[in-house]
Amino acid sequence: MPKKGPDMEKIESIRKILKKNPRGLWIREISRKTGLDKSTVSIYLARYMQHEIEDTYPDVKGDMIKVVRLKRR
């Protein structure tokens, strides 16, 4: 039977990486550093961590790139 609800180890893994990178990371970078699939990272950020993160779009060579970081308190 499939597990219901979030895996707290995955949330802690994502949170730990974001704490180490206060300027934020791309979802792909979070995925690489945690070993989680990009879609898993996206789902966890959107469903379970939406109140503790913020998206930014720094201007990098004219590209709009989404960067995720923990909200500043």
Protein backbone atom coordinates (compact mmCIF):
# COMPACT_ATOMS: atom_id res chain seq x y z
CA MET A 1 0.00 0.00 0.00
CA PRO A 2 1.45 3.42 -0.93
CA LYS A 3 2.65 5.75 1.77
CA LYS A 4 0.35 8.69 2.50
CA GLY A 5 1.57 12.18 3.29
CA PRO A 6 5.01 13.69 3.05
CA ASP A 7 8.27 11.93 3.86
CA MET A 8 9.83 14.08 6.59
CA GLU A 9 13.34 12.90 5.67
CA LYS A 10 12.88 14.34 2.18
CA ILE A 11 11.62 17.64 3.60
CA GLU A 12 14.56 17.84 5.99
CA SER A 13 16.98 17.03 3.18
CA ILE A 14 15.60 19.86 1.03
CA ARG A 15 15.49 22.26 3.98
CA LYS A 16 19.11 21.46 4.91
CA ILE A 17 20.35 22.19 1.37
CA LEU A 18 18.41 25.46 1.23
CA LYS A 19 19.79 26.54 4.62
CA LYS A 20 23.32 25.98 3.30
CA ASN A 21 22.50 28.10 0.23
CA PRO A 22 20.68 31.22 1.46
CA ARG A 23 20.82 32.91 -1.95
CA GLY A 24 18.73 30.06 -3.34
CA LEU A 25 19.09 27.22 -5.81
CA TRP A 26 17.43 25.99 -8.98
CA ILE A 27 15.23 22.95 -8.54
CA ARG A 28 17.75 20.98 -10.61
CA GLU A 29 20.52 21.93 -8.14
CA ILE A 30 18.40 20.93 -5.16
CA SER A 31 17.72 17.63 -6.91
CA ARG A 32 21.42 16.96 -7.49
CA LYS A 33 22.44 17.86 -3.96
CA THR A 34 19.70 15.82 -2.26
CA GLY A 35 19.68 12.87 -4.64
CA LEU A 36 15.92 13.30 -5.13
CA ASP A 37 14.23 13.41 -8.53
CA LYS A 38 13.44 16.90 -9.88
CA SER A 39 9.72 16.14 -9.91
CA THR A 40 9.87 15.00 -6.27
CA VAL A 41 11.63 18.23 -5.27
CA SER A 42 9.04 20.29 -7.17
CA ILE A 43 6.14 18.45 -5.55
CA TYR A 44 7.56 18.76 -2.06
CA LEU A 45 8.29 22.46 -2.48
CA ALA A 46 4.81 23.17 -3.84
CA ARG A 47 2.74 20.92 -1.56
CA TYR A 48 4.57 20.67 1.73
CA MET A 49 7.00 23.59 1.95
CA GLN A 50 5.12 26.43 0.26
CA HIS A 51 4.93 28.48 3.47
CA GLU A 52 8.67 28.37 4.13
CA ILE A 53 10.08 29.10 0.68
CA GLU A 54 10.02 31.92 -1.82
CA ASP A 55 10.71 31.98 -5.54
CA THR A 56 12.97 34.61 -7.03
CA TYR A 57 13.86 35.34 -10.62
CA PRO A 58 17.32 36.90 -10.75
CA ASP A 59 18.30 38.37 -14.08
CA VAL A 60 21.07 36.10 -15.33
CA LYS A 61 22.27 37.16 -18.79
CA GLY A 62 18.73 38.15 -19.72
CA ASP A 63 17.24 34.77 -18.78
CA MET A 64 14.40 34.39 -16.31
CA ILE A 65 15.50 31.54 -14.07
CA LYS A 66 13.45 30.45 -11.06
CA VAL A 67 15.51 30.19 -7.88
CA VAL A 68 14.05 28.78 -4.66
CA ARG A 69 15.20 29.85 -1.20
CA LEU A 70 13.96 29.73 2.35
CA LYS A 71 11.98 32.80 3.39
CA ARG A 72 13.98 35.29 5.35
CA ARG A 73 12.75 35.74 8.89
